[in-house]
Amino acid sequence: MLKQSEQGRGEGLVGVPARIADGIFLIALNNLEQARTKNESLLKSRDWIDIPLQYRTGRRALMTIEKGVPGTKVFDEVFEAWSKL
């Protein structure tokens, strides 16, 4: 989930999560034009990222992180590189 503020409501990326192995997961983002546009907009404009976790015991947790200036720079560089492909 990507959010505008730490306490705000999040909006999910358009994609499919996949379990690769114990404790290793991948999120495959949808490649349809409308989904790509939405995902890119969320990743560029939202400053907070919620990552839901579920422990082997079944208990759940939510890790919330802020992109900050370094994270924003990384996303900008990635999208710039992708635009050249």
PDB file of N, CA and C in Angstrom:
ATOM      1  N   MET A   1       0.838  -1.158   0.000  1.00  0.00           N
ATOM      2  CA  MET A   1       0.000   0.000   0.000  1.00  0.00           C
ATOM      3  C   MET A   1       0.894   1.235   0.000  1.00  0.00           C
ATOM      4  N   LEU A   2       0.542   2.184  -0.810  1.00  0.00           N
ATOM      5  CA  LEU A   2       1.282   3.446  -0.852  1.00  0.00           C
ATOM      6  C   LEU A   2       0.374   4.553  -0.328  1.00  0.00           C
ATOM      7  N   LYS A   3       0.938   5.420   0.539  1.00  0.00           N
ATOM      8  CA  LYS A   3       0.125   6.424   1.216  1.00  0.00           C
ATOM      9  C   LYS A   3       0.775   7.800   1.113  1.00  0.00           C
ATOM     10  N   GLN A   4      -0.059   8.839   1.231  1.00  0.00           N
ATOM     11  CA  GLN A   4       0.448  10.210   1.201  1.00  0.00           C
ATOM     12  C   GLN A   4       1.010  10.631   2.547  1.00  0.00           C
ATOM     13  N   SER A   5       0.510  10.042   3.624  1.00  0.00           N
ATOM     14  CA  SER A   5       1.000  10.358   4.960  1.00  0.00           C
ATOM     15  C   SER A   5       1.077   9.070   5.772  1.00  0.00           C
ATOM     16  N   GLU A   6       1.797   9.133   6.874  1.00  0.00           N
ATOM     17  CA  GLU A   6       1.973   7.938   7.694  1.00  0.00           C
ATOM     18  C   GLU A   6       0.633   7.377   8.179  1.00  0.00           C
ATOM     19  N   GLN A   7      -0.292   8.256   8.508  1.00  0.00           N
ATOM     20  CA  GLN A   7      -1.590   7.830   9.035  1.00  0.00           C
ATOM     21  C   GLN A   7      -2.672   7.715   7.957  1.00  0.00           C
ATOM     22  N   GLY A   8      -2.351   8.091   6.714  1.00  0.00           N
ATOM     23  CA  GLY A   8      -3.342   8.105   5.639  1.00  0.00           C
ATOM     24  C   GLY A   8      -3.759   6.709   5.206  1.00  0.00           C
ATOM     25  N   ARG A   9      -4.804   6.686   4.408  1.00  0.00           N
ATOM     26  CA  ARG A   9      -5.265   5.425   3.815  1.00  0.00           C
ATOM     27  C   ARG A   9      -4.387   5.096   2.624  1.00  0.00           C
ATOM     28  N   GLY A  10      -4.057   3.851   2.473  1.00  0.00           N
ATOM     29  CA  GLY A  10      -3.188   3.441   1.385  1.00  0.00           C
ATOM     30  C   GLY A  10      -3.947   2.954   0.168  1.00  0.00           C
ATOM     31  N   GLU A  11      -3.246   2.931  -0.930  1.00  0.00           N
ATOM     32  CA  GLU A  11      -3.786   2.396  -2.176  1.00  0.00           C
ATOM     33  C   GLU A  11      -2.787   1.383  -2.713  1.00  0.00           C
ATOM     34  N   GLY A  12      -3.280   0.216  -3.073  1.00  0.00           N
ATOM     35  CA  GLY A  12      -2.398  -0.863  -3.497  1.00  0.00           C
ATOM     36  C   GLY A  12      -1.961  -0.760  -4.940  1.00  0.00           C
ATOM     37  N   LEU A  13      -0.798  -1.318  -5.204  1.00  0.00           N
ATOM     38  CA  LEU A  13      -0.309  -1.432  -6.573  1.00  0.00           C
ATOM     39  C   LEU A  13      -1.122  -2.485  -7.305  1.00  0.00           C
ATOM     40  N   VAL A  14      -1.170  -2.395  -8.632  1.00  0.00           N
ATOM     41  CA  VAL A  14      -1.844  -3.400  -9.443  1.00  0.00           C
ATOM     42  C   VAL A  14      -0.801  -4.453  -9.783  1.00  0.00           C
ATOM     43  N   GLY A  15      -0.925  -5.616  -9.160  1.00  0.00           N
ATOM     44  CA  GLY A  15       0.042  -6.679  -9.370  1.00  0.00           C
ATOM     45  C   GLY A  15      -0.389  -7.945  -8.666  1.00  0.00           C
ATOM     46  N   VAL A  16       0.463  -8.949  -8.762  1.00  0.00           N
ATOM     47  CA  VAL A  16       0.172 -10.248  -8.177  1.00  0.00           C
ATOM     48  C   VAL A  16       1.342 -10.657  -7.289  1.00  0.00           C
ATOM     49  N   PRO A  17       1.079 -10.896  -5.988  1.00  0.00           N
ATOM     50  CA  PRO A  17       2.155 -11.374  -5.113  1.00  0.00           C
ATOM     51  C   PRO A  17       2.386 -12.863  -5.340  1.00  0.00           C
ATOM     52  N   ALA A  18       3.632 -13.282  -5.218  1.00  0.00           N
ATOM     53  CA  ALA A  18       3.967 -14.698  -5.387  1.00  0.00           C
ATOM     54  C   ALA A  18       4.996 -15.104  -4.336  1.00  0.00           C
ATOM     55  N   ARG A  19       4.784 -16.258  -3.744  1.00  0.00           N
ATOM     56  CA  ARG A  19       5.743 -16.809  -2.782  1.00  0.00           C
ATOM     57  C   ARG A  19       6.781 -17.597  -3.574  1.00  0.00           C
ATOM     58  N   ILE A  20       8.034 -17.208  -3.445  1.00  0.00           N
ATOM     59  CA  ILE A  20       9.114 -17.877  -4.169  1.00  0.00           C
ATOM     60  C   ILE A  20       9.667 -19.032  -3.348  1.00  0.00           C
ATOM     61  N   ALA A  21       9.889 -18.795  -2.069  1.00  0.00           N
ATOM     62  CA  ALA A  21      10.383 -19.798  -1.124  1.00  0.00           C
ATOM     63  C   ALA A  21      10.027 -19.307   0.269  1.00  0.00           C
ATOM     64  N   ASP A  22      10.333 -20.084   1.289  1.00  0.00           N
ATOM     65  CA  ASP A  22      10.053 -19.657   2.655  1.00  0.00           C
ATOM     66  C   ASP A  22      10.685 -18.298   2.919  1.00  0.00           C
ATOM     67  N   GLY A  23       9.852 -17.324   3.237  1.00  0.00           N
ATOM     68  CA  GLY A  23      10.332 -15.995   3.574  1.00  0.00           C
ATOM     69  C   GLY A  23      10.753 -15.134   2.393  1.00  0.00           C
ATOM     70  N   ILE A  24      10.559 -15.618   1.166  1.00  0.00           N
ATOM     71  CA  ILE A  24      10.948 -14.848  -0.026  1.00  0.00           C
ATOM     72  C   ILE A  24       9.722 -14.679  -0.918  1.00  0.00           C
ATOM     73  N   PHE A  25       9.391 -13.404  -1.189  1.00  0.00           N
ATOM     74  CA  PHE A  25       8.201 -13.091  -1.980  1.00  0.00           C
ATOM     75  C   PHE A  25       8.550 -12.119  -3.084  1.00  0.00           C
ATOM     76  N   LEU A  26       7.726 -12.116  -4.107  1.00  0.00           N
ATOM     77  CA  LEU A  26       7.900 -11.241  -5.263  1.00  0.00           C
ATOM     78  C   LEU A  26       6.536 -10.660  -5.602  1.00  0.00           C
ATOM     79  N   ILE A  27       6.500  -9.423  -6.011  1.00  0.00           N
ATOM     80  CA  ILE A  27       5.260  -8.830  -6.499  1.00  0.00           C
ATOM     81  C   ILE A  27       5.461  -8.505  -7.970  1.00  0.00           C
ATOM     82  N   ALA A  28       4.711  -9.197  -8.817  1.00  0.00           N
ATOM     83  CA  ALA A  28       4.787  -8.964 -10.255  1.00  0.00           C
ATOM     84  C   ALA A  28       3.773  -7.877 -10.600  1.00  0.00           C
ATOM     85  N   LEU A  29       4.263  -6.726 -11.033  1.00  0.00           N
ATOM     86  CA  LEU A  29       3.370  -5.624 -11.380  1.00  0.00           C
ATOM     87  C   LEU A  29       2.738  -5.870 -12.740  1.00  0.00           C
ATOM     88  N   ASN A  30       1.458  -5.537 -12.864  1.00  0.00           N
ATOM     89  CA  ASN A  30       0.706  -5.707 -14.090  1.00  0.00           C
ATOM     90  C   ASN A  30       1.297  -4.822 -15.186  1.00  0.00           C
ATOM     91  N   ASN A  31       1.387  -5.342 -16.394  1.00  0.00           N
ATOM     92  CA  ASN A  31       2.017  -4.618 -17.499  1.00  0.00           C
ATOM     93  C   ASN A  31       1.009  -3.950 -18.443  1.00  0.00           C
ATOM     94  N   LEU A  32      -0.280  -4.047 -18.151  1.00  0.00           N
ATOM     95  CA  LEU A  32      -1.256  -3.358 -18.993  1.00  0.00           C
ATOM     96  C   LEU A  32      -1.082  -1.857 -18.818  1.00  0.00           C
ATOM     97  N   GLU A  33      -1.319  -1.089 -19.882  1.00  0.00           N
ATOM     98  CA  GLU A  33      -1.048   0.350 -19.881  1.00  0.00           C
ATOM     99  C   GLU A  33      -1.703   1.073 -18.710  1.00  0.00           C
ATOM    100  N   GLN A  34      -2.989   0.817 -18.466  1.00  0.00           N
ATOM    101  CA  GLN A  34      -3.699   1.503 -17.383  1.00  0.00           C
ATOM    102  C   GLN A  34      -3.082   1.158 -16.022  1.00  0.00           C
ATOM    103  N   ALA A  35      -2.731  -0.105 -15.823  1.00  0.00           N
ATOM    104  CA  ALA A  35      -2.115  -0.536 -14.563  1.00  0.00           C
ATOM    105  C   ALA A  35      -0.723   0.072 -14.408  1.00  0.00           C
ATOM    106  N   ARG A  36       0.057   0.089 -15.492  1.00  0.00           N
ATOM    107  CA  ARG A  36       1.398   0.690 -15.431  1.00  0.00           C
ATOM    108  C   ARG A  36       1.318   2.157 -15.060  1.00  0.00           C
ATOM    109  N   THR A  37       0.368   2.866 -15.658  1.00  0.00           N
ATOM    110  CA  THR A  37       0.197   4.288 -15.365  1.00  0.00           C
ATOM    111  C   THR A  37      -0.155   4.497 -13.898  1.00  0.00           C
ATOM    112  N   LYS A  38      -1.080   3.696 -13.386  1.00  0.00           N
ATOM    113  CA  LYS A  38      -1.480   3.817 -11.981  1.00  0.00           C
ATOM    114  C   LYS A  38      -0.311   3.496 -11.056  1.00  0.00           C
ATOM    115  N   ASN A  39       0.379   2.388 -11.306  1.00  0.00           N
ATOM    116  CA  ASN A  39       1.492   1.991 -10.458  1.00  0.00           C
ATOM    117  C   ASN A  39       2.598   3.041 -10.453  1.00  0.00           C
ATOM    118  N   GLU A  40       2.923   3.557 -11.620  1.00  0.00           N
ATOM    119  CA  GLU A  40       3.966   4.582 -11.716  1.00  0.00           C
ATOM    120  C   GLU A  40       3.560   5.838 -10.945  1.00  0.00           C
ATOM    121  N   SER A  41       2.315   6.233 -11.083  1.00  0.00           N
ATOM    122  CA  SER A  41       1.833   7.405 -10.365  1.00  0.00           C
ATOM    123  C   SER A  41       1.925   7.206  -8.852  1.00  0.00           C
ATOM    124  N   LEU A  42       1.496   6.048  -8.370  1.00  0.00           N
ATOM    125  CA  LEU A  42       1.562   5.762  -6.931  1.00  0.00           C
ATOM    126  C   LEU A  42       3.012   5.746  -6.436  1.00  0.00           C
ATOM    127  N   LEU A  43       3.879   5.075  -7.172  1.00  0.00           N
ATOM    128  CA  LEU A  43       5.276   4.964  -6.733  1.00  0.00           C
ATOM    129  C   LEU A  43       5.990   6.314  -6.741  1.00  0.00           C
ATOM    130  N   LYS A  44       5.608   7.192  -7.654  1.00  0.00           N
ATOM    131  CA  LYS A  44       6.252   8.504  -7.728  1.00  0.00           C
ATOM    132  C   LYS A  44       5.672   9.494  -6.719  1.00  0.00           C
ATOM    133  N   SER A  45       4.372   9.436  -6.492  1.00  0.00           N
ATOM    134  CA  SER A  45       3.718  10.501  -5.726  1.00  0.00           C
ATOM    135  C   SER A  45       3.521  10.209  -4.244  1.00  0.00           C
ATOM    136  N   ARG A  46       3.566   8.975  -3.842  1.00  0.00           N
ATOM    137  CA  ARG A  46       3.289   8.641  -2.445  1.00  0.00           C
ATOM    138  C   ARG A  46       4.594   8.536  -1.658  1.00  0.00           C
ATOM    139  N   ASP A  47       4.588   9.097  -0.464  1.00  0.00           N
ATOM    140  CA  ASP A  47       5.797   9.156   0.359  1.00  0.00           C
ATOM    141  C   ASP A  47       5.926   8.027   1.372  1.00  0.00           C
ATOM    142  N   TRP A  48       4.846   7.301   1.610  1.00  0.00           N
ATOM    143  CA  TRP A  48       4.845   6.251   2.626  1.00  0.00           C
ATOM    144  C   TRP A  48       4.451   4.920   2.007  1.00  0.00           C
ATOM    145  N   ILE A  49       5.082   3.847   2.482  1.00  0.00           N
ATOM    146  CA  ILE A  49       4.823   2.510   1.969  1.00  0.00           C
ATOM    147  C   ILE A  49       4.490   1.601   3.145  1.00  0.00           C
ATOM    148  N   ASP A  50       3.340   0.930   3.069  1.00  0.00           N
ATOM    149  CA  ASP A  50       2.954  -0.079   4.057  1.00  0.00           C
ATOM    150  C   ASP A  50       3.290  -1.451   3.494  1.00  0.00           C
ATOM    151  N   ILE A  51       3.962  -2.253   4.302  1.00  0.00           N
ATOM    152  CA  ILE A  51       4.284  -3.622   3.902  1.00  0.00           C
ATOM    153  C   ILE A  51       3.657  -4.558   4.933  1.00  0.00           C
ATOM    154  N   PRO A  52       2.580  -5.269   4.550  1.00  0.00           N
ATOM    155  CA  PRO A  52       1.951  -6.193   5.496  1.00  0.00           C
ATOM    156  C   PRO A  52       2.806  -7.453   5.642  1.00  0.00           C
ATOM    157  N   LEU A  53       2.886  -7.944   6.859  1.00  0.00           N
ATOM    158  CA  LEU A  53       3.661  -9.149   7.152  1.00  0.00           C
ATOM    159  C   LEU A  53       2.777 -10.154   7.876  1.00  0.00           C
ATOM    160  N   GLN A  54       3.008 -11.424   7.628  1.00  0.00           N
ATOM    161  CA  GLN A  54       2.325 -12.457   8.396  1.00  0.00           C
ATOM    162  C   GLN A  54       3.375 -13.457   8.865  1.00  0.00           C
ATOM    163  N   TYR A  55       3.424 -13.627  10.170  1.00  0.00           N
ATOM    164  CA  TYR A  55       4.385 -14.541  10.767  1.00  0.00           C
ATOM    165  C   TYR A  55       3.910 -15.981  10.609  1.00  0.00           C
ATOM    166  N   ARG A  56       4.810 -16.916  10.778  1.00  0.00           N
ATOM    167  CA  ARG A  56       4.439 -18.334  10.677  1.00  0.00           C
ATOM    168  C   ARG A  56       3.372 -18.710  11.688  1.00  0.00           C
ATOM    169  N   THR A  57       3.301 -17.992  12.781  1.00  0.00           N
ATOM    170  CA  THR A  57       2.290 -18.250  13.813  1.00  0.00           C
ATOM    171  C   THR A  57       0.906 -17.799  13.386  1.00  0.00           C
ATOM    172  N   GLY A  58       0.817 -17.052  12.285  1.00  0.00           N
ATOM    173  CA  GLY A  58      -0.449 -16.517  11.819  1.00  0.00           C
ATOM    174  C   GLY A  58      -0.674 -15.072  12.246  1.00  0.00           C
ATOM    175  N   ARG A  59       0.112 -14.597  13.200  1.00  0.00           N
ATOM    176  CA  ARG A  59      -0.007 -13.198  13.623  1.00  0.00           C
ATOM    177  C   ARG A  59       0.417 -12.286  12.489  1.00  0.00           C
ATOM    178  N   ARG A  60      -0.154 -11.086  12.475  1.00  0.00           N
ATOM    179  CA  ARG A  60       0.114 -10.127  11.411  1.00  0.00           C
ATOM    180  C   ARG A  60       0.748  -8.871  11.967  1.00  0.00           C
ATOM    181  N   ALA A  61       1.498  -8.205  11.115  1.00  0.00           N
ATOM    182  CA  ALA A  61       2.120  -6.930  11.478  1.00  0.00           C
ATOM    183  C   ALA A  61       2.106  -6.042  10.236  1.00  0.00           C
ATOM    184  N   LEU A  62       2.329  -4.765  10.459  1.00  0.00           N
ATOM    185  CA  LEU A  62       2.386  -3.817   9.356  1.00  0.00           C
ATOM    186  C   LEU A  62       3.637  -2.966   9.524  1.00  0.00           C
ATOM    187  N   MET A  63       4.511  -3.025   8.537  1.00  0.00           N
ATOM    188  CA  MET A  63       5.717  -2.215   8.557  1.00  0.00           C
ATOM    189  C   MET A  63       5.457  -1.004   7.654  1.00  0.00           C
ATOM    190  N   THR A  64       5.587   0.193   8.227  1.00  0.00           N
ATOM    191  CA  THR A  64       5.367   1.430   7.489  1.00  0.00           C
ATOM    192  C   THR A  64       6.696   2.156   7.375  1.00  0.00           C
ATOM    193  N   ILE A  65       7.090   2.473   6.141  1.00  0.00           N
ATOM    194  CA  ILE A  65       8.357   3.173   5.931  1.00  0.00           C
ATOM    195  C   ILE A  65       8.123   4.418   5.080  1.00  0.00           C
ATOM    196  N   GLU A  66       8.959   5.415   5.306  1.00  0.00           N
ATOM    197  CA  GLU A  66       8.895   6.653   4.534  1.00  0.00           C
ATOM    198  C   GLU A  66       9.989   6.614   3.465  1.00  0.00           C
ATOM    199  N   LYS A  67       9.639   6.996   2.234  1.00  0.00           N
ATOM    200  CA  LYS A  67      10.646   7.035   1.167  1.00  0.00           C
ATOM    201  C   LYS A  67      11.730   8.050   1.483  1.00  0.00           C
ATOM    202  N   GLY A  68      11.324   9.216   1.920  1.00  0.00           N
ATOM    203  CA  GLY A  68      12.286  10.269   2.204  1.00  0.00           C
ATOM    204  C   GLY A  68      12.994  10.727   0.938  1.00  0.00           C
ATOM    205  N   VAL A  69      13.949  11.619   1.102  1.00  0.00           N
ATOM    206  CA  VAL A  69      14.686  12.171  -0.040  1.00  0.00           C
ATOM    207  C   VAL A  69      15.485  11.090  -0.766  1.00  0.00           C
ATOM    208  N   PRO A  70      16.222  10.215  -0.038  1.00  0.00           N
ATOM    209  CA  PRO A  70      16.984   9.181  -0.751  1.00  0.00           C
ATOM    210  C   PRO A  70      16.090   8.221  -1.530  1.00  0.00           C
ATOM    211  N   GLY A  71      14.955   7.829  -0.942  1.00  0.00           N
ATOM    212  CA  GLY A  71      14.044   6.920  -1.632  1.00  0.00           C
ATOM    213  C   GLY A  71      13.418   7.555  -2.854  1.00  0.00           C
ATOM    214  N   THR A  72      13.038   8.806  -2.735  1.00  0.00           N
ATOM    215  CA  THR A  72      12.473   9.531  -3.878  1.00  0.00           C
ATOM    216  C   THR A  72      13.488   9.605  -5.009  1.00  0.00           C
ATOM    217  N   LYS A  73      14.744   9.849  -4.664  1.00  0.00           N
ATOM    218  CA  LYS A  73      15.808   9.917  -5.675  1.00  0.00           C
ATOM    219  C   LYS A  73      15.964   8.571  -6.385  1.00  0.00           C
ATOM    220  N   VAL A  74      15.921   7.488  -5.625  1.00  0.00           N
ATOM    221  CA  VAL A  74      16.050   6.144  -6.216  1.00  0.00           C
ATOM    222  C   VAL A  74      14.906   5.883  -7.191  1.00  0.00           C
ATOM    223  N   PHE A  75      13.666   6.181  -6.774  1.00  0.00           N
ATOM    224  CA  PHE A  75      12.529   5.968  -7.662  1.00  0.00           C
ATOM    225  C   PHE A  75      12.656   6.815  -8.924  1.00  0.00           C
ATOM    226  N   ASP A  76      13.078   8.072  -8.783  1.00  0.00           N
ATOM    227  CA  ASP A  76      13.272   8.936  -9.950  1.00  0.00           C
ATOM    228  C   ASP A  76      14.307   8.350 -10.907  1.00  0.00           C
ATOM    229  N   GLU A  77      15.414   7.847 -10.362  1.00  0.00           N
ATOM    230  CA  GLU A  77      16.467   7.258 -11.195  1.00  0.00           C
ATOM    231  C   GLU A  77      15.981   5.995 -11.895  1.00  0.00           C
ATOM    232  N   VAL A  78      15.218   5.178 -11.193  1.00  0.00           N
ATOM    233  CA  VAL A  78      14.702   3.942 -11.782  1.00  0.00           C
ATOM    234  C   VAL A  78      13.744   4.247 -12.930  1.00  0.00           C
ATOM    235  N   PHE A  79      12.820   5.175 -12.702  1.00  0.00           N
ATOM    236  CA  PHE A  79      11.870   5.500 -13.766  1.00  0.00           C
ATOM    237  C   PHE A  79      12.570   6.154 -14.958  1.00  0.00           C
ATOM    238  N   GLU A  80      13.606   6.928 -14.698  1.00  0.00           N
ATOM    239  CA  GLU A  80      14.395   7.522 -15.784  1.00  0.00           C
ATOM    240  C   GLU A  80      15.074   6.429 -16.606  1.00  0.00           C
ATOM    241  N   ALA A  81      15.672   5.457 -15.929  1.00  0.00           N
ATOM    242  CA  ALA A  81      16.327   4.341 -16.629  1.00  0.00           C
ATOM    243  C   ALA A  81      15.312   3.519 -17.422  1.00  0.00           C
ATOM    244  N   TRP A  82      14.146   3.241 -16.831  1.00  0.00           N
ATOM    245  CA  TRP A  82      13.115   2.467 -17.518  1.00  0.00           C
ATOM    246  C   TRP A  82      12.606   3.205 -18.759  1.00  0.00           C
ATOM    247  N   SER A  83      12.557   4.534 -18.700  1.00  0.00           N
ATOM    248  CA  SER A  83      12.051   5.277 -19.848  1.00  0.00           C
ATOM    249  C   SER A  83      12.974   5.167 -21.054  1.00  0.00           C
ATOM    250  N   LYS A  84      14.219   4.781 -20.828  1.00  0.00           N
ATOM    251  CA  LYS A  84      15.198   4.651 -21.918  1.00  0.00           C
ATOM    252  C   LYS A  84      15.205   3.257 -22.535  1.00  0.00           C
ATOM    253  N   LEU A  85      14.465   2.317 -21.970  1.00  0.00           N
ATOM    254  CA  LEU A  85      14.445   0.959 -22.506  1.00  0.00           C
ATOM    255  C   LEU A  85      13.577   0.846 -23.734  1.00  0.00           C
TER     256      LEU A  85
END
